[in-house]
Amino acid sequence: MPTTLTTIPVDGVELEGDLVVPDDADGVVIFAHGSGSSRKSPRNNYVADVLRERGLGTLLFDLLTEAEDQYRENRFDIPLLTDRLVAVTEWLREREGAYEYGYFGSSTGAAAALRAAARKLDTAAVVSRGGRVDLAEEQLADVTAPALLIVGGEDDQVLRLNREATELLAAEHELHVVEGAGHLFEGPGELEEVAEVAADWFETNLQ
């Protein structure tokens, strides 16, 4: 299925995005990448491929412009990234219409995804991969969307933070630990497991 290269106007800048929405899509998943990454992240693109095979649309976009990304502080400006994600969601809804929308966030992008879900109560589902969920701690109780937290079993600090987050999430949630995996899920079969459990979660909740 063809990818639409699109430019998204937000806050006086233009963000680059790759949009794929099948004609019979059950919903659309918006990706929020981690710091230092982009819409071209090979891990997120692999997950997006699996989601599309399951009949879901995907939008991968750059949270920052190239100029903004030169400043490290912007990469960790979670309120800014959240504002961008919410604005892009509204842009996409105006463009594509009444789909169910979900977020897939990685690392710091997961914090933005959870914060956005706390603000946009019509969010249908959230998946966090190796998420810095502590950066959304104060908003977790306001998340109403079903949330799946995927963490590597050897990613000790992030696993601890995600376990603590499950105590704060009031909505339906699940912690999925990929045994033996580190933060980047680089071992054999690890990213495949991430993609499959994420696809199952979205397939269940984006109907």
N, C-alpha and C. Protein backbone atom coordinates (compact mmCIF):
# COMPACT_ATOMS: atom_id res chain seq x y z
N MET A 1 0.85 -1.19 0.00
CA MET A 1 0.00 0.00 0.00
C MET A 1 0.88 1.24 0.00
N PRO A 2 0.50 2.28 -0.73
CA PRO A 2 1.37 3.44 -0.90
C PRO A 2 1.48 4.28 0.37
N THR A 3 2.67 4.84 0.56
CA THR A 3 2.91 5.78 1.66
C THR A 3 2.77 7.19 1.13
N THR A 4 2.00 8.00 1.83
CA THR A 4 1.83 9.40 1.45
C THR A 4 2.82 10.24 2.25
N LEU A 5 3.77 10.85 1.56
CA LEU A 5 4.69 11.78 2.22
C LEU A 5 3.94 13.09 2.41
N THR A 6 3.84 13.53 3.63
CA THR A 6 3.00 14.68 3.91
C THR A 6 3.72 15.69 4.78
N THR A 7 3.32 16.93 4.66
CA THR A 7 3.85 18.01 5.49
C THR A 7 2.73 18.49 6.40
N ILE A 8 3.00 18.50 7.70
CA ILE A 8 1.98 18.81 8.69
C ILE A 8 2.28 20.18 9.30
N PRO A 9 1.41 21.17 9.10
CA PRO A 9 1.65 22.49 9.68
C PRO A 9 1.23 22.52 11.15
N VAL A 10 2.19 22.84 12.01
CA VAL A 10 1.94 22.87 13.46
C VAL A 10 2.76 23.99 14.08
N ASP A 11 2.12 24.85 14.85
CA ASP A 11 2.83 25.87 15.64
C ASP A 11 3.81 26.70 14.81
N GLY A 12 3.42 27.02 13.59
CA GLY A 12 4.27 27.86 12.77
C GLY A 12 5.43 27.15 12.11
N VAL A 13 5.51 25.82 12.25
CA VAL A 13 6.55 25.04 11.56
C VAL A 13 5.86 23.96 10.74
N GLU A 14 6.65 23.27 9.93
CA GLU A 14 6.12 22.17 9.13
C GLU A 14 6.88 20.90 9.49
N LEU A 15 6.13 19.88 9.88
CA LEU A 15 6.70 18.60 10.28
C LEU A 15 6.50 17.58 9.17
N GLU A 16 7.52 16.78 8.90
CA GLU A 16 7.44 15.78 7.85
C GLU A 16 6.82 14.50 8.39
N GLY A 17 5.94 13.89 7.59
CA GLY A 17 5.28 12.67 8.03
C GLY A 17 5.10 11.66 6.92
N ASP A 18 5.00 10.39 7.30
CA ASP A 18 4.73 9.29 6.37
C ASP A 18 3.41 8.65 6.79
N LEU A 19 2.39 8.78 5.94
CA LEU A 19 1.03 8.37 6.29
C LEU A 19 0.58 7.23 5.37
N VAL A 20 0.06 6.18 5.98
CA VAL A 20 -0.54 5.07 5.23
C VAL A 20 -1.87 4.74 5.89
N VAL A 21 -2.97 4.88 5.15
CA VAL A 21 -4.29 4.53 5.67
C VAL A 21 -5.00 3.65 4.63
N PRO A 22 -5.06 2.35 4.86
CA PRO A 22 -5.78 1.47 3.94
C PRO A 22 -7.25 1.86 3.86
N ASP A 23 -7.87 1.57 2.73
CA ASP A 23 -9.28 1.93 2.53
C ASP A 23 -10.19 1.33 3.59
N ASP A 24 -9.86 0.12 4.04
CA ASP A 24 -10.70 -0.58 5.01
C ASP A 24 -10.08 -0.59 6.40
N ALA A 25 -9.28 0.43 6.71
CA ALA A 25 -8.57 0.47 8.00
C ALA A 25 -9.55 0.46 9.16
N ASP A 26 -9.20 -0.30 10.20
CA ASP A 26 -10.01 -0.33 11.43
C ASP A 26 -9.68 0.83 12.36
N GLY A 27 -8.53 1.45 12.16
CA GLY A 27 -8.10 2.56 13.00
C GLY A 27 -6.73 3.03 12.52
N VAL A 28 -6.22 4.08 13.15
CA VAL A 28 -4.93 4.65 12.76
C VAL A 28 -4.07 4.81 14.01
N VAL A 29 -2.81 4.38 13.89
CA VAL A 29 -1.86 4.49 15.00
C VAL A 29 -0.85 5.58 14.66
N ILE A 30 -0.69 6.53 15.58
CA ILE A 30 0.24 7.64 15.42
C ILE A 30 1.48 7.33 16.27
N PHE A 31 2.65 7.40 15.66
CA PHE A 31 3.89 7.05 16.34
C PHE A 31 4.57 8.30 16.89
N ALA A 32 5.13 8.16 18.10
CA ALA A 32 5.92 9.21 18.72
C ALA A 32 7.28 8.62 19.08
N HIS A 33 8.32 9.03 18.34
CA HIS A 33 9.63 8.42 18.51
C HIS A 33 10.36 9.00 19.71
N GLY A 34 11.43 8.33 20.10
CA GLY A 34 12.23 8.77 21.23
C GLY A 34 13.26 9.81 20.84
N SER A 35 13.96 10.34 21.82
CA SER A 35 14.93 11.40 21.58
C SER A 35 16.06 10.91 20.68
N GLY A 36 16.45 11.78 19.74
CA GLY A 36 17.53 11.43 18.83
C GLY A 36 17.09 10.57 17.67
N SER A 37 15.83 10.20 17.63
CA SER A 37 15.31 9.37 16.55
C SER A 37 14.45 10.23 15.62
N SER A 38 13.74 9.58 14.71
CA SER A 38 12.92 10.32 13.75
C SER A 38 11.86 9.37 13.19
N ARG A 39 11.10 9.85 12.23
CA ARG A 39 10.08 9.02 11.61
C ARG A 39 10.71 7.86 10.84
N LYS A 40 12.01 7.94 10.60
CA LYS A 40 12.71 6.88 9.86
C LYS A 40 13.26 5.79 10.77
N SER A 41 12.94 5.84 12.04
CA SER A 41 13.39 4.81 12.99
C SER A 41 13.11 3.41 12.45
N PRO A 42 14.14 2.58 12.28
CA PRO A 42 13.90 1.24 11.74
C PRO A 42 13.02 0.38 12.64
N ARG A 43 13.15 0.56 13.96
CA ARG A 43 12.32 -0.24 14.87
C ARG A 43 10.85 0.16 14.75
N ASN A 44 10.58 1.46 14.77
CA ASN A 44 9.18 1.89 14.65
C ASN A 44 8.60 1.54 13.28
N ASN A 45 9.43 1.62 12.24
CA ASN A 45 8.93 1.27 10.92
C ASN A 45 8.63 -0.21 10.80
N TYR A 46 9.42 -1.02 11.49
CA TYR A 46 9.10 -2.46 11.51
C TYR A 46 7.75 -2.69 12.18
N VAL A 47 7.53 -2.07 13.33
CA VAL A 47 6.25 -2.20 14.03
C VAL A 47 5.11 -1.70 13.14
N ALA A 48 5.34 -0.57 12.47
CA ALA A 48 4.31 -0.01 11.59
C ALA A 48 3.95 -0.98 10.47
N ASP A 49 4.94 -1.67 9.92
CA ASP A 49 4.68 -2.66 8.87
C ASP A 49 3.75 -3.76 9.39
N VAL A 50 4.01 -4.22 10.60
CA VAL A 50 3.18 -5.29 11.18
C VAL A 50 1.76 -4.78 11.42
N LEU A 51 1.63 -3.55 11.90
CA LEU A 51 0.30 -2.98 12.12
C LEU A 51 -0.48 -2.89 10.82
N ARG A 52 0.19 -2.47 9.77
CA ARG A 52 -0.49 -2.35 8.48
C ARG A 52 -0.93 -3.71 7.95
N GLU A 53 -0.13 -4.75 8.22
CA GLU A 53 -0.53 -6.10 7.84
C GLU A 53 -1.80 -6.53 8.57
N ARG A 54 -2.05 -5.93 9.73
CA ARG A 54 -3.25 -6.23 10.51
C ARG A 54 -4.42 -5.32 10.13
N GLY A 55 -4.25 -4.48 9.10
CA GLY A 55 -5.35 -3.65 8.64
C GLY A 55 -5.47 -2.31 9.34
N LEU A 56 -4.38 -1.85 9.95
CA LEU A 56 -4.38 -0.56 10.64
C LEU A 56 -3.61 0.48 9.83
N GLY A 57 -4.06 1.73 9.89
CA GLY A 57 -3.31 2.82 9.30
C GLY A 57 -2.20 3.26 10.23
N THR A 58 -1.19 3.93 9.70
CA THR A 58 -0.08 4.41 10.52
C THR A 58 0.36 5.80 10.07
N LEU A 59 0.78 6.59 11.03
CA LEU A 59 1.42 7.88 10.76
C LEU A 59 2.70 7.95 11.57
N LEU A 60 3.83 8.00 10.87
CA LEU A 60 5.12 8.26 11.50
C LEU A 60 5.53 9.66 11.09
N PHE A 61 5.87 10.50 12.07
CA PHE A 61 6.22 11.88 11.75
C PHE A 61 7.33 12.36 12.67
N ASP A 62 8.00 13.41 12.23
CA ASP A 62 9.07 14.01 13.02
C ASP A 62 8.46 14.99 14.02
N LEU A 63 8.71 14.75 15.29
CA LEU A 63 8.17 15.64 16.33
C LEU A 63 8.82 17.01 16.31
N LEU A 64 10.04 17.08 15.79
CA LEU A 64 10.79 18.34 15.71
C LEU A 64 11.26 18.55 14.28
N THR A 65 11.45 19.80 13.90
CA THR A 65 12.09 20.10 12.62
C THR A 65 13.59 19.80 12.75
N GLU A 66 14.28 19.76 11.62
CA GLU A 66 15.73 19.51 11.65
C GLU A 66 16.44 20.57 12.48
N ALA A 67 16.01 21.81 12.34
CA ALA A 67 16.65 22.90 13.09
C ALA A 67 16.40 22.74 14.59
N GLU A 68 15.18 22.41 14.96
CA GLU A 68 14.86 22.24 16.39
C GLU A 68 15.60 21.07 16.99
N ASP A 69 15.81 20.03 16.19
CA ASP A 69 16.44 18.81 16.70
C ASP A 69 17.93 19.00 17.00
N GLN A 70 18.49 20.10 16.55
CA GLN A 70 19.90 20.37 16.83
C GLN A 70 20.14 20.69 18.30
N TYR A 71 19.07 21.06 19.01
CA TYR A 71 19.19 21.45 20.42
C TYR A 71 18.67 20.33 21.31
N ARG A 72 19.58 19.76 22.09
CA ARG A 72 19.24 18.58 22.89
C ARG A 72 18.07 18.84 23.83
N GLU A 73 17.95 20.08 24.34
CA GLU A 73 16.88 20.36 25.29
C GLU A 73 15.50 20.18 24.66
N ASN A 74 15.40 20.42 23.35
CA ASN A 74 14.11 20.23 22.67
C ASN A 74 13.69 18.76 22.67
N ARG A 75 14.66 17.87 22.59
CA ARG A 75 14.34 16.44 22.54
C ARG A 75 13.73 15.96 23.85
N PHE A 76 14.01 16.68 24.93
CA PHE A 76 13.49 16.28 26.24
C PHE A 76 12.43 17.26 26.76
N ASP A 77 11.95 18.12 25.87
CA ASP A 77 10.88 19.05 26.23
C ASP A 77 9.55 18.32 26.04
N ILE A 78 9.18 17.53 27.04
CA ILE A 78 8.01 16.65 26.90
C ILE A 78 6.72 17.46 26.71
N PRO A 79 6.51 18.59 27.40
CA PRO A 79 5.31 19.39 27.11
C PRO A 79 5.24 19.84 25.65
N LEU A 80 6.37 20.23 25.07
CA LEU A 80 6.40 20.63 23.65
C LEU A 80 6.04 19.44 22.77
N LEU A 81 6.66 18.29 23.03
CA LEU A 81 6.39 17.10 22.21
C LEU A 81 4.94 16.66 22.34
N THR A 82 4.38 16.82 23.53
CA THR A 82 2.96 16.49 23.74
C THR A 82 2.06 17.41 22.94
N ASP A 83 2.36 18.71 22.99
CA ASP A 83 1.57 19.67 22.21
C ASP A 83 1.62 19.32 20.73
N ARG A 84 2.80 18.95 20.24
CA ARG A 84 2.95 18.59 18.83
C ARG A 84 2.09 17.36 18.51
N LEU A 85 2.15 16.38 19.38
CA LEU A 85 1.41 15.14 19.14
C LEU A 85 -0.09 15.38 19.13
N VAL A 86 -0.58 16.18 20.05
CA VAL A 86 -2.00 16.51 20.09
C VAL A 86 -2.41 17.27 18.84
N ALA A 87 -1.60 18.25 18.44
CA ALA A 87 -1.92 19.05 17.25
C ALA A 87 -1.92 18.19 15.99
N VAL A 88 -0.97 17.28 15.88
CA VAL A 88 -0.92 16.39 14.72
C VAL A 88 -2.12 15.44 14.71
N THR A 89 -2.54 14.99 15.88
CA THR A 89 -3.73 14.14 15.96
C THR A 89 -4.95 14.88 15.46
N GLU A 90 -5.09 16.13 15.86
CA GLU A 90 -6.24 16.93 15.41
C GLU A 90 -6.18 17.17 13.90
N TRP A 91 -4.96 17.43 13.40
CA TRP A 91 -4.79 17.60 11.95
C TRP A 91 -5.20 16.33 11.21
N LEU A 92 -4.76 15.18 11.73
CA LEU A 92 -5.06 13.91 11.07
C LEU A 92 -6.55 13.59 11.11
N ARG A 93 -7.18 13.88 12.23
CA ARG A 93 -8.62 13.62 12.34
C ARG A 93 -9.40 14.49 11.34
N GLU A 94 -8.99 15.73 11.17
CA GLU A 94 -9.65 16.59 10.19
C GLU A 94 -9.44 16.08 8.77
N ARG A 95 -8.26 15.52 8.52
CA ARG A 95 -7.92 15.05 7.18
C ARG A 95 -8.55 13.71 6.85
N GLU A 96 -8.52 12.78 7.82
CA GLU A 96 -8.91 11.39 7.53
C GLU A 96 -10.29 11.01 8.05
N GLY A 97 -10.81 11.78 9.03
CA GLY A 97 -12.16 11.49 9.48
C GLY A 97 -12.24 10.62 10.71
N ALA A 98 -13.38 9.96 10.83
CA ALA A 98 -13.79 9.35 12.10
C ALA A 98 -13.25 7.94 12.29
N TYR A 99 -11.94 7.81 12.30
CA TYR A 99 -11.32 6.56 12.70
C TYR A 99 -11.13 6.55 14.23
N GLU A 100 -10.88 5.35 14.76
CA GLU A 100 -10.35 5.27 16.12
C GLU A 100 -8.84 5.52 16.02
N TYR A 101 -8.32 6.32 16.95
CA TYR A 101 -6.90 6.68 16.90
C TYR A 101 -6.18 6.18 18.15
N GLY A 102 -4.96 5.69 17.94
CA GLY A 102 -4.13 5.24 19.04
C GLY A 102 -2.73 5.78 18.91
N TYR A 103 -1.95 5.66 20.00
CA TYR A 103 -0.56 6.12 20.01
C TYR A 103 0.39 4.97 20.29
N PHE A 104 1.51 4.97 19.57
CA PHE A 104 2.62 4.07 19.87
C PHE A 104 3.82 4.96 20.16
N GLY A 105 4.26 4.96 21.41
CA GLY A 105 5.36 5.83 21.81
C GLY A 105 6.57 5.04 22.27
N SER A 106 7.75 5.52 21.91
CA SER A 106 9.01 4.89 22.30
C SER A 106 9.82 5.83 23.17
N SER A 107 10.37 5.30 24.27
CA SER A 107 11.26 6.07 25.14
C SER A 107 10.60 7.39 25.57
N THR A 108 11.21 8.54 25.27
CA THR A 108 10.59 9.82 25.65
C THR A 108 9.29 10.05 24.89
N GLY A 109 9.18 9.50 23.68
CA GLY A 109 7.94 9.61 22.92
C GLY A 109 6.77 8.95 23.61
N ALA A 110 7.05 7.93 24.42
CA ALA A 110 5.98 7.27 25.16
C ALA A 110 5.40 8.21 26.22
N ALA A 111 6.26 9.04 26.82
CA ALA A 111 5.77 10.03 27.78
C ALA A 111 4.84 11.01 27.09
N ALA A 112 5.22 11.46 25.90
CA ALA A 112 4.36 12.38 25.14
C ALA A 112 3.06 11.70 24.76
N ALA A 113 3.12 10.41 24.40
CA ALA A 113 1.91 9.68 24.01
C ALA A 113 0.95 9.55 25.19
N LEU A 114 1.47 9.24 26.35
CA LEU A 114 0.61 9.10 27.53
C LEU A 114 0.03 10.45 27.96
N ARG A 115 0.84 11.49 27.89
CA ARG A 115 0.34 12.83 28.22
C ARG A 115 -0.74 13.26 27.23
N ALA A 116 -0.52 12.96 25.95
CA ALA A 116 -1.51 13.31 24.94
C ALA A 116 -2.81 12.54 25.18
N ALA A 117 -2.69 11.27 25.53
CA ALA A 117 -3.88 10.47 25.80
C ALA A 117 -4.64 10.99 27.02
N ALA A 118 -3.92 11.56 27.97
CA ALA A 118 -4.57 12.14 29.15
C ALA A 118 -5.37 13.38 28.79
N ARG A 119 -4.95 14.06 27.72
CA ARG A 119 -5.64 15.28 27.27
C ARG A 119 -6.73 14.97 26.25
N LYS A 120 -6.48 13.98 25.39
CA LYS A 120 -7.45 13.62 24.35
C LYS A 120 -8.16 12.35 24.80
N LEU A 121 -9.30 12.54 25.44
CA LEU A 121 -9.98 11.41 26.06
C LEU A 121 -10.65 10.48 25.06
N ASP A 122 -10.62 10.87 23.77
CA ASP A 122 -11.14 9.98 22.74
C ASP A 122 -10.07 9.05 22.18
N THR A 123 -8.86 9.10 22.75
CA THR A 123 -7.81 8.17 22.33
C THR A 123 -8.25 6.75 22.63
N ALA A 124 -8.09 5.85 21.65
CA ALA A 124 -8.63 4.49 21.80
C ALA A 124 -7.66 3.53 22.46
N ALA A 125 -6.36 3.77 22.33
CA ALA A 125 -5.37 2.85 22.92
C ALA A 125 -3.99 3.50 22.87
N VAL A 126 -3.14 3.08 23.81
CA VAL A 126 -1.76 3.55 23.85
C VAL A 126 -0.85 2.34 24.05
N VAL A 127 0.25 2.32 23.30
CA VAL A 127 1.31 1.32 23.53
C VAL A 127 2.61 2.07 23.76
N SER A 128 3.33 1.69 24.80
CA SER A 128 4.62 2.27 25.14
C SER A 128 5.69 1.19 24.95
N ARG A 129 6.75 1.52 24.21
CA ARG A 129 7.88 0.59 24.05
C ARG A 129 9.11 1.18 24.74
N GLY A 130 9.55 0.53 25.80
CA GLY A 130 10.71 1.04 26.53
C GLY A 130 10.49 2.46 26.98
N GLY A 131 9.28 2.75 27.45
CA GLY A 131 8.87 4.12 27.68
C GLY A 131 9.42 4.76 28.93
N ARG A 132 9.76 6.05 28.82
CA ARG A 132 10.11 6.87 29.98
C ARG A 132 8.81 7.37 30.60
N VAL A 133 8.06 6.44 31.14
CA VAL A 133 6.73 6.76 31.67
C VAL A 133 6.79 7.66 32.88
N ASP A 134 7.95 7.73 33.53
CA ASP A 134 8.11 8.62 34.68
C ASP A 134 7.94 10.09 34.27
N LEU A 135 8.20 10.39 33.00
CA LEU A 135 8.08 11.77 32.52
C LEU A 135 6.62 12.15 32.26
N ALA A 136 5.72 11.20 32.46
CA ALA A 136 4.28 11.48 32.37
C ALA A 136 3.58 11.12 33.68
N GLU A 137 4.34 10.98 34.73
CA GLU A 137 3.83 10.46 36.00
C GLU A 137 2.58 11.20 36.49
N GLU A 138 2.60 12.53 36.42
CA GLU A 138 1.48 13.31 36.98
C GLU A 138 0.21 13.19 36.14
N GLN A 139 0.34 12.70 34.89
CA GLN A 139 -0.82 12.59 34.02
C GLN A 139 -1.38 11.17 33.93
N LEU A 140 -0.69 10.19 34.49
CA LEU A 140 -1.08 8.79 34.28
C LEU A 140 -2.49 8.49 34.78
N ALA A 141 -2.88 9.09 35.89
CA ALA A 141 -4.20 8.83 36.44
C ALA A 141 -5.31 9.37 35.55
N ASP A 142 -4.97 10.29 34.63
CA ASP A 142 -5.97 10.90 33.75
C ASP A 142 -6.10 10.18 32.41
N VAL A 143 -5.25 9.18 32.19
CA VAL A 143 -5.32 8.42 30.94
C VAL A 143 -6.52 7.49 31.00
N THR A 144 -7.42 7.62 30.04
CA THR A 144 -8.61 6.76 30.00
C THR A 144 -8.48 5.64 28.98
N ALA A 145 -7.52 5.74 28.07
CA ALA A 145 -7.34 4.74 27.03
C ALA A 145 -6.64 3.50 27.60
N PRO A 146 -6.99 2.31 27.13
CA PRO A 146 -6.25 1.11 27.52
C PRO A 146 -4.77 1.26 27.15
N ALA A 147 -3.89 0.98 28.09
CA ALA A 147 -2.45 1.23 27.89
C ALA A 147 -1.66 -0.06 28.06
N LEU A 148 -0.82 -0.35 27.09
CA LEU A 148 0.08 -1.49 27.13
C LEU A 148 1.51 -0.98 27.26
N LEU A 149 2.21 -1.40 28.30
CA LEU A 149 3.59 -1.00 28.54
C LEU A 149 4.49 -2.18 28.23
N ILE A 150 5.34 -2.05 27.20
CA ILE A 150 6.24 -3.12 26.79
C ILE A 150 7.66 -2.73 27.20
N VAL A 151 8.33 -3.61 27.94
CA VAL A 151 9.66 -3.30 28.46
C VAL A 151 10.54 -4.54 28.34
N GLY A 152 11.82 -4.32 28.07
CA GLY A 152 12.77 -5.42 28.06
C GLY A 152 13.09 -5.88 29.47
N GLY A 153 13.20 -7.19 29.65
CA GLY A 153 13.46 -7.75 30.97
C GLY A 153 14.80 -7.36 31.55
N GLU A 154 15.76 -7.00 30.67
CA GLU A 154 17.09 -6.60 31.13
C GLU A 154 17.25 -5.08 31.19
N ASP A 155 16.19 -4.36 30.86
CA ASP A 155 16.22 -2.89 30.90
C ASP A 155 15.79 -2.46 32.31
N ASP A 156 16.68 -2.67 33.28
CA ASP A 156 16.31 -2.67 34.69
C ASP A 156 15.65 -1.39 35.15
N GLN A 157 16.26 -0.24 34.87
CA GLN A 157 15.71 1.02 35.37
C GLN A 157 14.36 1.32 34.75
N VAL A 158 14.25 1.14 33.43
CA VAL A 158 12.99 1.42 32.75
C VAL A 158 11.91 0.44 33.19
N LEU A 159 12.29 -0.81 33.43
CA LEU A 159 11.33 -1.80 33.92
C LEU A 159 10.80 -1.39 35.29
N ARG A 160 11.67 -0.91 36.15
CA ARG A 160 11.23 -0.45 37.48
C ARG A 160 10.26 0.72 37.34
N LEU A 161 10.59 1.67 36.47
CA LEU A 161 9.72 2.83 36.28
C LEU A 161 8.35 2.42 35.74
N ASN A 162 8.34 1.45 34.84
CA ASN A 162 7.08 1.01 34.27
C ASN A 162 6.25 0.23 35.28
N ARG A 163 6.89 -0.54 36.13
CA ARG A 163 6.14 -1.23 37.19
C ARG A 163 5.51 -0.21 38.14
N GLU A 164 6.24 0.86 38.44
CA GLU A 164 5.69 1.91 39.29
C GLU A 164 4.51 2.60 38.59
N ALA A 165 4.61 2.75 37.28
CA ALA A 165 3.54 3.41 36.53
C ALA A 165 2.25 2.62 36.57
N THR A 166 2.34 1.30 36.63
CA THR A 166 1.11 0.50 36.67
C THR A 166 0.30 0.77 37.94
N GLU A 167 0.96 1.28 38.97
CA GLU A 167 0.24 1.62 40.21
C GLU A 167 -0.52 2.93 40.06
N LEU A 168 -0.16 3.73 39.05
CA LEU A 168 -0.78 5.04 38.88
C LEU A 168 -1.84 5.07 37.78
N LEU A 169 -1.78 4.12 36.87
CA LEU A 169 -2.74 4.08 35.76
C LEU A 169 -4.09 3.59 36.26
N ALA A 170 -5.11 4.41 36.06
CA ALA A 170 -6.45 4.04 36.50
C ALA A 170 -7.19 3.25 35.42
N ALA A 171 -6.83 3.48 34.17
CA ALA A 171 -7.51 2.80 33.06
C ALA A 171 -7.00 1.37 32.93
N GLU A 172 -7.66 0.60 32.07
CA GLU A 172 -7.19 -0.74 31.76
C GLU A 172 -5.74 -0.67 31.30
N HIS A 173 -4.89 -1.55 31.83
CA HIS A 173 -3.49 -1.52 31.44
C HIS A 173 -2.86 -2.89 31.63
N GLU A 174 -1.71 -3.06 30.96
CA GLU A 174 -0.98 -4.32 31.05
C GLU A 174 0.50 -4.03 30.89
N LEU A 175 1.32 -4.74 31.65
CA LEU A 175 2.77 -4.65 31.51
C LEU A 175 3.26 -5.93 30.85
N HIS A 176 3.88 -5.79 29.69
CA HIS A 176 4.41 -6.95 28.97
C HIS A 176 5.93 -6.88 28.99
N VAL A 177 6.56 -7.87 29.59
CA VAL A 177 8.02 -7.91 29.69
C VAL A 177 8.57 -8.88 28.65
N VAL A 178 9.45 -8.37 27.80
CA VAL A 178 10.12 -9.21 26.81
C VAL A 178 11.39 -9.75 27.47
N GLU A 179 11.34 -11.02 27.87
CA GLU A 179 12.42 -11.60 28.66
C GLU A 179 13.75 -11.55 27.91
N GLY A 180 14.79 -11.11 28.63
CA GLY A 180 16.13 -11.08 28.07
C GLY A 180 16.44 -9.87 27.22
N ALA A 181 15.44 -9.03 26.95
CA ALA A 181 15.65 -7.89 26.04
C ALA A 181 16.20 -6.68 26.79
N GLY A 182 17.04 -5.91 26.08
CA GLY A 182 17.50 -4.64 26.59
C GLY A 182 16.60 -3.52 26.10
N HIS A 183 17.09 -2.29 26.20
CA HIS A 183 16.24 -1.13 25.89
C HIS A 183 15.87 -1.07 24.41
N LEU A 184 16.73 -1.57 23.53
CA LEU A 184 16.50 -1.42 22.09
C LEU A 184 15.91 -2.68 21.44
N PHE A 185 15.70 -3.75 22.21
CA PHE A 185 15.07 -4.97 21.68
C PHE A 185 15.81 -5.46 20.43
N GLU A 186 17.12 -5.63 20.57
CA GLU A 186 17.96 -5.98 19.43
C GLU A 186 18.20 -7.47 19.27
N GLY A 187 17.82 -8.28 20.26
CA GLY A 187 18.06 -9.72 20.19
C GLY A 187 17.11 -10.43 19.24
N PRO A 188 17.42 -11.66 18.88
CA PRO A 188 16.58 -12.43 17.97
C PRO A 188 15.14 -12.55 18.49
N GLY A 189 14.20 -12.17 17.65
CA GLY A 189 12.79 -12.32 17.97
C GLY A 189 12.21 -11.28 18.91
N GLU A 190 13.05 -10.39 19.46
CA GLU A 190 12.56 -9.46 20.49
C GLU A 190 11.67 -8.37 19.88
N LEU A 191 12.12 -7.76 18.80
CA LEU A 191 11.30 -6.72 18.19
C LEU A 191 10.04 -7.32 17.57
N GLU A 192 10.16 -8.56 17.07
CA GLU A 192 8.98 -9.25 16.54
C GLU A 192 7.93 -9.44 17.63
N GLU A 193 8.38 -9.76 18.84
CA GLU A 193 7.44 -9.92 19.95
C GLU A 193 6.77 -8.58 20.29
N VAL A 194 7.58 -7.51 20.30
CA VAL A 194 7.03 -6.18 20.54
C VAL A 194 5.93 -5.87 19.53
N ALA A 195 6.22 -6.11 18.26
CA ALA A 195 5.27 -5.76 17.20
C ALA A 195 4.00 -6.58 17.30
N GLU A 196 4.12 -7.85 17.61
CA GLU A 196 2.94 -8.72 17.66
C GLU A 196 2.03 -8.37 18.83
N VAL A 197 2.61 -8.13 20.02
CA VAL A 197 1.75 -7.82 21.17
C VAL A 197 1.14 -6.42 21.01
N ALA A 198 1.89 -5.50 20.39
CA ALA A 198 1.34 -4.17 20.12
C ALA A 198 0.19 -4.28 19.13
N ALA A 199 0.38 -5.07 18.07
CA ALA A 199 -0.67 -5.24 17.06
C ALA A 199 -1.92 -5.86 17.68
N ASP A 200 -1.73 -6.84 18.56
CA ASP A 200 -2.87 -7.45 19.24
C ASP A 200 -3.63 -6.41 20.05
N TRP A 201 -2.89 -5.55 20.74
CA TRP A 201 -3.51 -4.53 21.60
C TRP A 201 -4.33 -3.54 20.77
N PHE A 202 -3.72 -3.06 19.69
CA PHE A 202 -4.43 -2.11 18.84
C PHE A 202 -5.61 -2.77 18.12
N GLU A 203 -5.41 -4.00 17.67
CA GLU A 203 -6.47 -4.69 16.96
C GLU A 203 -7.69 -4.87 17.86
N THR A 204 -7.45 -5.12 19.14
CA THR A 204 -8.54 -5.29 20.10
C THR A 204 -9.24 -3.98 20.39
N ASN A 205 -8.49 -2.89 20.48
CA ASN A 205 -9.05 -1.64 20.99
C ASN A 205 -9.38 -0.59 19.94
N LEU A 206 -8.92 -0.79 18.70
CA LEU A 206 -9.20 0.21 17.65
C LEU A 206 -10.26 -0.30 16.69
N GLN A 207 -11.27 -0.93 17.18
CA GLN A 207 -12.36 -1.43 16.33
C GLN A 207 -13.49 -0.40 16.29
